């Protein structure tokens, strides 16, 4: 632990009082304290802002030099520990979202082309229920009966001879007798008037 022994020797040699110093972090130097993590309202999105800001700390070595300006020791443990602890913006940014390129909207007018359609597609696909099948069968049976009745020819059958009564001949005979009687009476009246 040669590094810590050297620091103790430097501290014992200097007798100046302990003081607080403000300084700006030089360019090219990174420290954990100069990183600000800003989270926006949207969840899952983080961005980092690295800014030059004044950092105040107590210089325990009292040599007038900041920890960044001290010479490195042979072991280089101090610089190695700083490099391990440095947090960069790559640890917080989401590369997948950053690399995505936004597609520009084309200025071409979008025209909707109507596609042909049919109204009876649903009826063809939908199967018929049991009730509908029975109704269709009944309608078909009635149609068959009506067609048979239309094709049938009705012919009158001759009745039996015992049942037939010759009324027509009787009526004609009766009319003939009456006509003769009227004729005889009219001739008699004529003879009397002469």
N, C-alpha and C. Protein backbone atom coordinates (compact mmCIF):
# COMPACT_ATOMS: atom_id res chain seq x y z
N UNK A 1 0.84 -1.19 0.00
CA UNK A 1 0.00 0.00 0.00
C UNK A 1 0.87 1.25 0.00
N UNK A 2 1.64 1.26 -1.02
CA UNK A 2 2.61 2.35 -1.17
C UNK A 2 1.91 3.68 -1.39
N UNK A 3 0.78 3.63 -2.08
CA UNK A 3 0.06 4.87 -2.40
C UNK A 3 -0.40 5.59 -1.14
N UNK A 4 -0.98 4.86 -0.22
CA UNK A 4 -1.49 5.46 1.02
C UNK A 4 -0.34 5.97 1.90
N UNK A 5 0.80 5.29 1.88
CA UNK A 5 1.96 5.76 2.66
C UNK A 5 2.48 7.09 2.11
N UNK A 6 2.52 7.23 0.79
CA UNK A 6 2.96 8.49 0.19
C UNK A 6 2.03 9.63 0.55
N UNK A 7 0.74 9.34 0.57
CA UNK A 7 -0.23 10.39 0.94
C UNK A 7 -0.04 10.82 2.38
N UNK A 8 0.22 9.91 3.28
CA UNK A 8 0.43 10.26 4.69
C UNK A 8 1.69 11.11 4.85
N UNK A 9 2.73 10.82 4.10
CA UNK A 9 3.96 11.61 4.18
C UNK A 9 3.73 13.03 3.69
N UNK A 10 3.02 13.19 2.60
CA UNK A 10 2.72 14.53 2.09
C UNK A 10 1.89 15.32 3.09
N UNK A 11 0.98 14.67 3.75
CA UNK A 11 0.10 15.33 4.71
C UNK A 11 0.88 15.81 5.93
N UNK A 12 1.81 15.04 6.35
CA UNK A 12 2.60 15.41 7.53
C UNK A 12 3.56 16.55 7.22
N UNK A 13 4.06 16.64 5.99
CA UNK A 13 5.00 17.70 5.63
C UNK A 13 4.32 19.05 5.55
N UNK A 14 3.12 19.11 5.13
CA UNK A 14 2.42 20.39 4.96
C UNK A 14 1.76 20.77 6.27
N UNK A 15 1.85 22.06 6.61
CA UNK A 15 1.27 22.53 7.88
C UNK A 15 0.21 23.59 7.68
N UNK A 16 -0.18 23.87 6.45
CA UNK A 16 -1.18 24.90 6.19
C UNK A 16 -2.54 24.43 6.68
N UNK A 17 -3.40 25.38 7.09
CA UNK A 17 -4.73 24.97 7.61
C UNK A 17 -5.60 24.37 6.51
N UNK A 18 -6.60 23.61 6.95
CA UNK A 18 -7.54 22.98 6.02
C UNK A 18 -8.43 24.04 5.37
N UNK A 19 -8.66 23.96 4.08
CA UNK A 19 -9.43 24.98 3.39
C UNK A 19 -10.38 24.34 2.37
N UNK A 20 -11.38 25.12 2.00
CA UNK A 20 -12.37 24.68 1.01
C UNK A 20 -12.11 25.40 -0.29
N UNK A 21 -12.10 24.68 -1.39
CA UNK A 21 -11.77 25.29 -2.68
C UNK A 21 -12.86 24.97 -3.69
N UNK A 22 -13.20 25.96 -4.52
CA UNK A 22 -14.13 25.78 -5.63
C UNK A 22 -13.35 25.81 -6.93
N UNK A 23 -13.67 24.89 -7.82
CA UNK A 23 -12.98 24.85 -9.10
C UNK A 23 -13.92 24.26 -10.14
N UNK A 24 -13.58 24.49 -11.41
CA UNK A 24 -14.32 23.92 -12.52
C UNK A 24 -13.62 22.66 -12.97
N UNK A 25 -14.41 21.64 -13.30
CA UNK A 25 -13.83 20.39 -13.78
C UNK A 25 -13.29 20.63 -15.17
N UNK A 26 -12.04 20.32 -15.42
CA UNK A 26 -11.48 20.56 -16.76
C UNK A 26 -12.10 19.64 -17.78
N UNK A 27 -11.98 20.04 -19.06
CA UNK A 27 -12.52 19.22 -20.14
C UNK A 27 -11.76 17.91 -20.26
N UNK A 28 -12.49 16.89 -20.65
CA UNK A 28 -11.86 15.58 -20.80
C UNK A 28 -11.83 14.79 -19.50
N UNK A 29 -12.28 15.40 -18.37
CA UNK A 29 -12.30 14.69 -17.09
C UNK A 29 -13.74 14.30 -16.79
N UNK A 30 -13.89 13.12 -16.26
CA UNK A 30 -15.23 12.65 -15.89
C UNK A 30 -15.23 12.30 -14.42
N UNK A 31 -16.28 12.62 -13.76
CA UNK A 31 -16.45 12.23 -12.36
C UNK A 31 -17.92 11.90 -12.14
N UNK A 32 -18.21 11.14 -11.13
CA UNK A 32 -19.60 10.73 -10.87
C UNK A 32 -20.45 11.93 -10.50
N UNK A 33 -19.84 12.94 -9.84
CA UNK A 33 -20.61 14.07 -9.34
C UNK A 33 -21.07 15.00 -10.45
N UNK A 34 -20.45 14.98 -11.61
CA UNK A 34 -20.84 15.90 -12.67
C UNK A 34 -21.85 15.29 -13.62
N UNK A 35 -22.41 14.13 -13.30
CA UNK A 35 -23.43 13.50 -14.13
C UNK A 35 -24.80 13.75 -13.51
N UNK A 36 -25.73 14.22 -14.29
CA UNK A 36 -27.09 14.44 -13.84
C UNK A 36 -28.01 13.54 -14.65
N UNK A 37 -28.77 12.75 -13.95
CA UNK A 37 -29.72 11.86 -14.63
C UNK A 37 -31.07 12.54 -14.61
N UNK A 38 -31.61 12.77 -15.77
CA UNK A 38 -32.90 13.44 -15.90
C UNK A 38 -33.89 12.44 -16.44
N UNK A 39 -34.93 12.16 -15.69
CA UNK A 39 -35.97 11.24 -16.17
C UNK A 39 -37.19 12.05 -16.55
N UNK A 40 -37.67 11.85 -17.73
CA UNK A 40 -38.84 12.59 -18.20
C UNK A 40 -40.11 11.96 -17.66
N UNK A 41 -41.27 12.57 -18.03
CA UNK A 41 -42.56 12.05 -17.54
C UNK A 41 -42.85 10.68 -18.08
N UNK A 42 -42.36 10.38 -19.29
CA UNK A 42 -42.61 9.07 -19.87
C UNK A 42 -41.76 8.04 -19.17
N UNK A 43 -42.36 6.91 -18.85
CA UNK A 43 -41.63 5.84 -18.19
C UNK A 43 -40.70 5.13 -19.15
N UNK A 44 -39.55 4.70 -18.66
CA UNK A 44 -38.64 3.94 -19.49
C UNK A 44 -37.69 4.76 -20.33
N UNK A 45 -37.75 6.12 -20.24
CA UNK A 45 -36.88 6.97 -21.05
C UNK A 45 -35.99 7.77 -20.11
N UNK A 46 -34.68 7.68 -20.32
CA UNK A 46 -33.72 8.42 -19.50
C UNK A 46 -32.68 9.08 -20.40
N UNK A 47 -32.28 10.26 -20.01
CA UNK A 47 -31.22 10.93 -20.75
C UNK A 47 -30.22 11.49 -19.75
N UNK A 48 -28.99 11.67 -20.16
CA UNK A 48 -27.95 12.19 -19.28
C UNK A 48 -27.48 13.53 -19.79
N UNK A 49 -27.19 14.42 -18.87
CA UNK A 49 -26.66 15.74 -19.20
C UNK A 49 -25.33 15.88 -18.47
N UNK A 50 -24.27 16.08 -19.20
CA UNK A 50 -22.94 16.25 -18.62
C UNK A 50 -22.61 17.73 -18.70
N UNK A 51 -22.46 18.38 -17.58
CA UNK A 51 -22.26 19.82 -17.57
C UNK A 51 -21.04 20.18 -16.72
N UNK A 52 -20.47 21.36 -17.01
CA UNK A 52 -19.39 21.88 -16.19
C UNK A 52 -20.01 22.63 -15.02
N UNK A 53 -19.92 22.09 -13.83
CA UNK A 53 -20.47 22.78 -12.68
C UNK A 53 -19.42 22.85 -11.59
N UNK A 54 -19.55 23.81 -10.73
CA UNK A 54 -18.57 23.99 -9.66
C UNK A 54 -18.82 22.96 -8.58
N UNK A 55 -17.76 22.30 -8.16
CA UNK A 55 -17.84 21.29 -7.11
C UNK A 55 -16.95 21.76 -5.97
N UNK A 56 -17.49 21.83 -4.77
CA UNK A 56 -16.71 22.24 -3.60
C UNK A 56 -16.40 21.02 -2.76
N UNK A 57 -15.20 20.89 -2.35
CA UNK A 57 -14.83 19.79 -1.47
C UNK A 57 -13.66 20.23 -0.61
N UNK A 58 -13.49 19.57 0.48
CA UNK A 58 -12.41 19.91 1.41
C UNK A 58 -11.13 19.21 0.97
N UNK A 59 -10.13 20.02 0.74
CA UNK A 59 -8.84 19.47 0.30
C UNK A 59 -8.06 19.03 1.54
N UNK A 60 -8.07 17.75 1.81
CA UNK A 60 -7.40 17.25 3.01
C UNK A 60 -5.90 17.24 2.87
N UNK A 61 -5.40 17.36 1.63
CA UNK A 61 -3.95 17.30 1.44
C UNK A 61 -3.30 18.67 1.57
N UNK A 62 -4.12 19.76 1.42
CA UNK A 62 -3.65 21.12 1.67
C UNK A 62 -2.45 21.50 0.81
N UNK A 63 -2.38 20.97 -0.37
CA UNK A 63 -1.25 21.30 -1.24
C UNK A 63 -1.64 22.25 -2.35
N UNK A 64 -2.89 22.69 -2.34
CA UNK A 64 -3.32 23.62 -3.37
C UNK A 64 -3.67 22.97 -4.67
N UNK A 65 -3.59 21.67 -4.80
CA UNK A 65 -3.91 20.96 -6.03
C UNK A 65 -5.15 20.11 -5.82
N UNK A 66 -5.95 20.02 -6.85
CA UNK A 66 -7.12 19.16 -6.75
C UNK A 66 -6.70 17.71 -6.97
N UNK A 67 -7.65 16.81 -6.72
CA UNK A 67 -7.34 15.39 -6.88
C UNK A 67 -7.08 15.04 -8.33
N UNK A 68 -7.62 15.86 -9.27
CA UNK A 68 -7.41 15.58 -10.69
C UNK A 68 -6.00 15.98 -11.14
N UNK A 69 -5.39 17.03 -10.45
CA UNK A 69 -4.10 17.56 -10.88
C UNK A 69 -2.92 16.89 -10.18
N UNK A 70 -3.17 15.97 -9.26
CA UNK A 70 -2.08 15.31 -8.56
C UNK A 70 -1.36 14.35 -9.49
N UNK A 71 -0.06 14.19 -9.30
CA UNK A 71 0.67 13.24 -10.15
C UNK A 71 0.28 11.81 -9.81
N UNK A 72 0.24 10.99 -10.83
CA UNK A 72 -0.11 9.60 -10.61
C UNK A 72 1.05 8.86 -9.97
N UNK A 73 0.72 7.92 -9.12
CA UNK A 73 1.74 7.09 -8.49
C UNK A 73 2.12 5.97 -9.43
N UNK A 74 3.11 5.20 -9.02
CA UNK A 74 3.58 4.10 -9.87
C UNK A 74 2.52 3.04 -10.03
N UNK A 75 1.75 2.83 -8.95
CA UNK A 75 0.72 1.78 -9.04
C UNK A 75 -0.47 2.22 -9.88
N UNK A 76 -0.76 3.51 -9.87
CA UNK A 76 -1.88 4.01 -10.66
C UNK A 76 -3.23 3.56 -10.15
N UNK A 77 -3.31 3.31 -8.83
CA UNK A 77 -4.59 2.84 -8.29
C UNK A 77 -5.65 3.93 -8.29
N UNK A 78 -5.20 5.16 -8.05
CA UNK A 78 -6.17 6.25 -7.97
C UNK A 78 -6.90 6.44 -9.30
N UNK A 79 -6.14 6.51 -10.37
CA UNK A 79 -6.76 6.70 -11.69
C UNK A 79 -7.57 5.48 -12.09
N UNK A 80 -7.09 4.32 -11.70
CA UNK A 80 -7.82 3.10 -12.06
C UNK A 80 -9.18 3.04 -11.37
N UNK A 81 -9.20 3.44 -10.08
CA UNK A 81 -10.47 3.43 -9.35
C UNK A 81 -11.44 4.45 -9.92
N UNK A 82 -10.91 5.62 -10.37
CA UNK A 82 -11.79 6.63 -10.97
C UNK A 82 -12.40 6.12 -12.27
N UNK A 83 -11.61 5.46 -13.09
CA UNK A 83 -12.13 4.94 -14.36
C UNK A 83 -13.19 3.88 -14.15
N UNK A 84 -13.03 3.11 -13.10
CA UNK A 84 -14.03 2.07 -12.82
C UNK A 84 -15.35 2.67 -12.34
N UNK A 85 -15.27 3.81 -11.61
CA UNK A 85 -16.47 4.40 -11.02
C UNK A 85 -17.17 5.38 -11.95
N UNK A 86 -16.55 5.78 -13.04
CA UNK A 86 -17.16 6.76 -13.94
C UNK A 86 -18.39 6.16 -14.61
N UNK A 87 -19.49 6.91 -14.58
CA UNK A 87 -20.73 6.50 -15.24
C UNK A 87 -20.96 7.42 -16.41
N UNK A 88 -21.09 6.88 -17.58
CA UNK A 88 -21.28 7.67 -18.79
C UNK A 88 -22.73 7.64 -19.24
N UNK A 89 -23.03 8.43 -20.27
CA UNK A 89 -24.40 8.47 -20.78
C UNK A 89 -24.85 7.19 -21.43
N UNK A 90 -23.90 6.36 -21.85
CA UNK A 90 -24.27 5.10 -22.49
C UNK A 90 -24.97 4.14 -21.54
N UNK A 91 -24.71 4.35 -20.23
CA UNK A 91 -25.35 3.47 -19.24
C UNK A 91 -26.83 3.77 -19.08
N UNK A 92 -27.29 4.97 -19.49
CA UNK A 92 -28.66 5.37 -19.27
C UNK A 92 -29.50 5.48 -20.53
N UNK A 93 -28.87 5.79 -21.63
CA UNK A 93 -29.65 5.98 -22.85
C UNK A 93 -30.12 4.65 -23.40
N UNK A 94 -31.28 4.70 -24.04
CA UNK A 94 -31.83 3.52 -24.68
C UNK A 94 -31.44 3.56 -26.16
N UNK A 95 -30.49 2.69 -26.55
CA UNK A 95 -29.95 2.75 -27.91
C UNK A 95 -30.99 2.36 -28.95
N UNK A 96 -31.88 1.46 -28.58
CA UNK A 96 -32.88 1.01 -29.56
C UNK A 96 -33.79 2.14 -29.98
N UNK A 97 -34.19 2.95 -28.99
CA UNK A 97 -35.08 4.06 -29.34
C UNK A 97 -34.31 5.18 -30.04
N UNK A 98 -33.05 5.40 -29.64
CA UNK A 98 -32.28 6.49 -30.24
C UNK A 98 -31.93 6.19 -31.69
N UNK A 99 -31.69 4.93 -32.00
CA UNK A 99 -31.28 4.56 -33.36
C UNK A 99 -32.44 4.52 -34.34
N UNK A 100 -33.66 4.47 -33.83
CA UNK A 100 -34.81 4.40 -34.73
C UNK A 100 -34.97 5.72 -35.49
N UNK A 101 -35.13 5.62 -36.77
CA UNK A 101 -35.35 6.80 -37.60
C UNK A 101 -36.83 6.99 -37.84
N UNK A 102 -37.27 8.21 -37.67
CA UNK A 102 -38.69 8.49 -37.91
C UNK A 102 -38.96 8.54 -39.41
N UNK A 103 -40.01 7.90 -39.77
CA UNK A 103 -40.39 7.89 -41.18
C UNK A 103 -41.09 9.19 -41.54
N UNK A 104 -40.62 9.84 -42.58
CA UNK A 104 -41.25 11.07 -43.01
C UNK A 104 -42.55 10.81 -43.73
N UNK A 105 -43.52 11.68 -43.49
CA UNK A 105 -44.82 11.52 -44.14
C UNK A 105 -44.70 11.90 -45.61
N UNK A 106 -45.20 11.06 -46.46
CA UNK A 106 -45.16 11.34 -47.89
C UNK A 106 -46.23 12.36 -48.25
N UNK A 107 -45.93 13.19 -49.23
CA UNK A 107 -46.86 14.22 -49.66
C UNK A 107 -47.90 13.71 -50.64
N UNK A 108 -47.79 12.45 -51.02
CA UNK A 108 -48.75 11.90 -51.98
C UNK A 108 -50.12 11.75 -51.33
N UNK A 109 -51.16 12.04 -52.10
CA UNK A 109 -52.52 11.90 -51.60
C UNK A 109 -52.92 10.44 -51.54
N UNK A 110 -53.53 10.09 -50.45
CA UNK A 110 -53.99 8.71 -50.29
C UNK A 110 -55.40 8.58 -50.83
N UNK A 111 -55.60 7.65 -51.73
CA UNK A 111 -56.91 7.44 -52.36
C UNK A 111 -57.41 6.07 -51.96
N UNK A 112 -58.64 6.04 -51.47
CA UNK A 112 -59.25 4.76 -51.09
C UNK A 112 -59.94 4.15 -52.31
N UNK A 113 -59.56 2.94 -52.63
CA UNK A 113 -60.13 2.23 -53.77
C UNK A 113 -61.18 1.26 -53.25
N UNK A 114 -62.46 1.41 -53.66
CA UNK A 114 -63.50 0.50 -53.15
C UNK A 114 -63.32 -0.91 -53.70
N UNK A 115 -63.55 -1.88 -52.84
CA UNK A 115 -63.45 -3.29 -53.24
C UNK A 115 -64.86 -3.87 -53.40
N UNK A 116 -65.08 -4.73 -54.39
CA UNK A 116 -66.42 -5.33 -54.57
C UNK A 116 -66.76 -6.27 -53.42
N UNK A 117 -68.05 -6.31 -53.09
CA UNK A 117 -68.50 -7.18 -52.01
C UNK A 117 -69.89 -7.71 -52.34
N UNK A 118 -70.30 -8.75 -51.66
CA UNK A 118 -71.60 -9.38 -51.88
C UNK A 118 -72.39 -9.37 -50.58
N UNK A 119 -73.73 -9.20 -50.75
CA UNK A 119 -74.58 -9.18 -49.56
C UNK A 119 -74.95 -10.58 -49.09
N UNK A 120 -74.96 -11.57 -50.00
CA UNK A 120 -75.46 -12.90 -49.66
C UNK A 120 -74.35 -13.87 -49.26
N UNK A 121 -73.16 -13.36 -48.96
CA UNK A 121 -72.10 -14.28 -48.55
C UNK A 121 -72.40 -14.93 -47.21
N UNK A 122 -72.99 -14.16 -46.29
CA UNK A 122 -73.28 -14.71 -44.96
C UNK A 122 -74.35 -15.79 -45.03
N UNK A 123 -75.39 -15.60 -45.88
CA UNK A 123 -76.47 -16.58 -45.97
C UNK A 123 -75.97 -17.91 -46.55
N UNK A 124 -75.04 -17.86 -47.48
CA UNK A 124 -74.54 -19.10 -48.07
C UNK A 124 -73.69 -19.89 -47.06
N UNK A 125 -72.91 -19.18 -46.29
CA UNK A 125 -72.02 -19.86 -45.35
C UNK A 125 -72.80 -20.39 -44.14
N UNK A 126 -73.83 -19.65 -43.69
CA UNK A 126 -74.55 -20.01 -42.47
C UNK A 126 -75.40 -21.26 -42.69
N UNK A 127 -75.24 -22.32 -41.89
CA UNK A 127 -76.07 -23.52 -42.06
C UNK A 127 -77.48 -23.30 -41.55
N UNK A 128 -78.46 -24.03 -42.14
CA UNK A 128 -79.86 -23.89 -41.75
C UNK A 128 -80.13 -24.69 -40.49
N UNK A 129 -81.06 -24.19 -39.68
CA UNK A 129 -81.43 -24.89 -38.45
C UNK A 129 -82.40 -26.03 -38.78
N UNK A 130 -82.70 -26.87 -37.77
CA UNK A 130 -83.60 -28.02 -37.96
C UNK A 130 -85.01 -27.54 -38.30
N UNK A 131 -85.46 -26.49 -37.65
CA UNK A 131 -86.81 -25.97 -37.92
C UNK A 131 -86.93 -25.49 -39.36
N UNK A 132 -85.92 -24.76 -39.83
CA UNK A 132 -85.95 -24.27 -41.21
C UNK A 132 -85.96 -25.43 -42.21
N UNK A 133 -85.23 -26.49 -41.92
CA UNK A 133 -85.25 -27.65 -42.81
C UNK A 133 -86.64 -28.28 -42.88
N UNK A 134 -87.31 -28.43 -41.74
CA UNK A 134 -88.66 -29.02 -41.73
C UNK A 134 -89.64 -28.16 -42.51
N UNK A 135 -89.56 -26.86 -42.34
CA UNK A 135 -90.46 -25.95 -43.07
C UNK A 135 -90.25 -26.08 -44.57
N UNK A 136 -88.99 -26.15 -44.99
CA UNK A 136 -88.69 -26.31 -46.42
C UNK A 136 -89.25 -27.63 -46.97
N UNK A 137 -89.16 -28.71 -46.18
CA UNK A 137 -89.70 -30.00 -46.62
C UNK A 137 -91.22 -29.95 -46.78
N UNK A 138 -91.92 -29.29 -45.83
CA UNK A 138 -93.38 -29.16 -45.92
C UNK A 138 -93.78 -28.36 -47.15
N UNK A 139 -93.06 -27.30 -47.44
CA UNK A 139 -93.39 -26.47 -48.61
C UNK A 139 -93.20 -27.28 -49.89
N UNK A 140 -92.14 -28.07 -49.96
CA UNK A 140 -91.90 -28.89 -51.15
C UNK A 140 -93.00 -29.94 -51.34
N UNK A 141 -93.47 -30.56 -50.25
CA UNK A 141 -94.55 -31.56 -50.34
C UNK A 141 -95.83 -30.92 -50.86
N UNK A 142 -96.17 -29.72 -50.38
CA UNK A 142 -97.38 -29.04 -50.85
C UNK A 142 -97.27 -28.70 -52.34
N UNK A 143 -96.11 -28.27 -52.77
CA UNK A 143 -95.93 -27.97 -54.19
C UNK A 143 -96.13 -29.21 -55.05
N UNK A 144 -95.62 -30.35 -54.60
CA UNK A 144 -95.78 -31.60 -55.36
C UNK A 144 -97.25 -31.99 -55.46
N UNK A 145 -98.01 -31.84 -54.37
CA UNK A 145 -99.44 -32.17 -54.38
C UNK A 145 -100.20 -31.27 -55.34
N UNK A 146 -99.92 -29.98 -55.32
CA UNK A 146 -100.60 -29.05 -56.22
C UNK A 146 -100.31 -29.38 -57.68
N UNK A 147 -99.07 -29.72 -57.98
CA UNK A 147 -98.73 -30.08 -59.36
C UNK A 147 -99.48 -31.34 -59.81
N UNK A 148 -99.61 -32.31 -58.92
CA UNK A 148 -100.35 -33.53 -59.26
C UNK A 148 -101.84 -33.25 -59.51
N UNK A 149 -102.41 -32.34 -58.70
CA UNK A 149 -103.83 -31.99 -58.89
C UNK A 149 -104.04 -31.27 -60.21
N UNK A 150 -103.11 -30.40 -60.58
CA UNK A 150 -103.26 -29.69 -61.85
C UNK A 150 -103.15 -30.63 -63.04
N UNK A 151 -102.33 -31.62 -62.95
CA UNK A 151 -102.18 -32.57 -64.05
C UNK A 151 -103.35 -33.57 -64.15
N UNK A 152 -104.13 -33.76 -63.08
CA UNK A 152 -105.23 -34.73 -63.08
C UNK A 152 -106.41 -34.21 -63.91
N UNK A 153 -107.01 -35.11 -64.74
CA UNK A 153 -108.16 -34.73 -65.57
C UNK A 153 -109.42 -35.34 -64.95
N UNK A 154 -110.43 -34.48 -64.66
CA UNK A 154 -111.68 -34.95 -64.07
C UNK A 154 -112.65 -35.35 -65.19
N UNK A 155 -113.19 -36.55 -65.11
CA UNK A 155 -114.19 -37.03 -66.08
C UNK A 155 -115.42 -37.53 -65.33
N UNK A 156 -116.65 -37.08 -65.81
CA UNK A 156 -117.89 -37.47 -65.14
C UNK A 156 -118.27 -38.91 -65.50
N UNK A 157 -118.65 -39.63 -64.50
CA UNK A 157 -119.07 -41.03 -64.71
C UNK A 157 -120.58 -41.07 -64.96
N UNK A 158 -121.00 -41.98 -65.82
CA UNK A 158 -122.44 -42.11 -66.09
C UNK A 158 -123.13 -42.77 -64.89
N UNK A 159 -124.27 -42.19 -64.45
CA UNK A 159 -124.98 -42.81 -63.32
C UNK A 159 -125.71 -44.08 -63.75
N UNK A 160 -126.16 -44.84 -62.79
CA UNK A 160 -126.90 -46.09 -63.07
C UNK A 160 -128.26 -45.78 -63.67
N UNK A 161 -128.78 -46.70 -64.50
CA UNK A 161 -130.05 -46.45 -65.19
C UNK A 161 -131.24 -46.35 -64.23
N UNK A 162 -131.21 -47.10 -63.17
CA UNK A 162 -132.33 -47.05 -62.20
C UNK A 162 -132.42 -45.68 -61.52
N UNK A 163 -131.34 -44.99 -61.41
CA UNK A 163 -131.32 -43.70 -60.71
C UNK A 163 -131.80 -42.59 -61.64
N UNK A 164 -131.62 -42.70 -62.96
CA UNK A 164 -131.99 -41.62 -63.88
C UNK A 164 -133.51 -41.52 -63.97
N UNK A 165 -134.08 -40.31 -63.87
CA UNK A 165 -135.52 -40.03 -64.07
C UNK A 165 -135.66 -39.12 -65.28
N UNK A 166 -136.46 -39.47 -66.32
CA UNK A 166 -136.58 -38.66 -67.54
C UNK A 166 -137.47 -37.43 -67.32
N UNK A 167 -137.03 -36.45 -66.61
CA UNK A 167 -137.83 -35.26 -66.33
C UNK A 167 -137.95 -34.36 -67.57
N UNK A 168 -136.97 -34.32 -68.34
CA UNK A 168 -137.00 -33.43 -69.51
C UNK A 168 -138.14 -33.82 -70.46
N UNK A 169 -138.25 -35.11 -70.71
CA UNK A 169 -139.33 -35.57 -71.61
C UNK A 169 -140.71 -35.28 -71.01
N UNK A 170 -140.81 -35.46 -69.70
CA UNK A 170 -142.11 -35.18 -69.05
C UNK A 170 -142.47 -33.71 -69.19
N UNK A 171 -141.52 -32.84 -68.99
CA UNK A 171 -141.79 -31.40 -69.08
C UNK A 171 -142.18 -31.02 -70.51
N UNK A 172 -141.50 -31.57 -71.48
CA UNK A 172 -141.82 -31.27 -72.87
C UNK A 172 -143.24 -31.78 -73.25
N UNK A 173 -143.58 -32.93 -72.75
CA UNK A 173 -144.94 -33.47 -73.01
C UNK A 173 -146.02 -32.61 -72.36
N UNK A 174 -145.75 -32.18 -71.20
CA UNK A 174 -146.71 -31.34 -70.48
C UNK A 174 -146.90 -30.00 -71.20
N UNK A 175 -145.86 -29.43 -71.68
CA UNK A 175 -145.96 -28.17 -72.42
C UNK A 175 -146.74 -28.36 -73.75
N UNK A 176 -146.54 -29.45 -74.37
CA UNK A 176 -147.25 -29.74 -75.64
C UNK A 176 -148.76 -29.89 -75.39
N UNK A 177 -149.12 -30.57 -74.34
CA UNK A 177 -150.54 -30.75 -74.01
C UNK A 177 -151.20 -29.40 -73.69
N UNK A 178 -150.50 -28.59 -72.99
CA UNK A 178 -151.04 -27.29 -72.63
C UNK A 178 -151.22 -26.42 -73.88
N UNK A 179 -150.29 -26.46 -74.77
CA UNK A 179 -150.38 -25.69 -76.00
C UNK A 179 -151.64 -26.12 -76.84
N UNK A 180 -151.84 -27.43 -76.89
CA UNK A 180 -153.03 -27.93 -77.63
C UNK A 180 -154.34 -27.49 -76.96
N UNK A 181 -154.34 -27.52 -75.68
CA UNK A 181 -155.56 -27.13 -74.96
C UNK A 181 -155.88 -25.65 -75.18
N UNK A 182 -154.86 -24.83 -75.14
CA UNK A 182 -155.05 -23.39 -75.36
C UNK A 182 -155.55 -23.14 -76.79
N UNK A 183 -155.04 -23.87 -77.72
CA UNK A 183 -155.45 -23.70 -79.12
C UNK A 183 -156.93 -24.08 -79.33
N UNK A 184 -157.36 -25.15 -78.70
CA UNK A 184 -158.76 -25.58 -78.83
C UNK A 184 -159.71 -24.54 -78.21
N UNK A 185 -159.34 -24.04 -77.08
CA UNK A 185 -160.19 -23.05 -76.41
C UNK A 185 -160.30 -21.76 -77.24
N UNK A 186 -159.20 -21.35 -77.79
CA UNK A 186 -159.24 -20.12 -78.60
C UNK A 186 -160.09 -20.29 -79.88
N UNK A 187 -160.06 -21.47 -80.47
CA UNK A 187 -160.89 -21.72 -81.67
C UNK A 187 -162.39 -21.74 -81.31
N UNK A 188 -162.71 -22.26 -80.16
CA UNK A 188 -164.11 -22.29 -79.71
C UNK A 188 -164.63 -20.87 -79.49
N UNK A 189 -163.81 -20.02 -78.90
CA UNK A 189 -164.24 -18.64 -78.64
C UNK A 189 -164.45 -17.90 -79.97
N UNK A 190 -163.66 -18.16 -80.93
CA UNK A 190 -163.79 -17.53 -82.24
C UNK A 190 -165.12 -17.92 -82.92
N UNK A 191 -165.44 -19.18 -82.86
CA UNK A 191 -166.67 -19.67 -83.48
C UNK A 191 -167.90 -19.04 -82.80
N UNK A 192 -167.85 -18.90 -81.54
CA UNK A 192 -168.99 -18.32 -80.83
C UNK A 192 -169.19 -16.86 -81.21
N UNK A 193 -168.14 -16.10 -81.36
CA UNK A 193 -168.25 -14.68 -81.70
C UNK A 193 -168.71 -14.46 -83.15
N UNK A 194 -168.49 -15.38 -83.98
CA UNK A 194 -168.96 -15.22 -85.37
C UNK A 194 -170.48 -15.38 -85.37
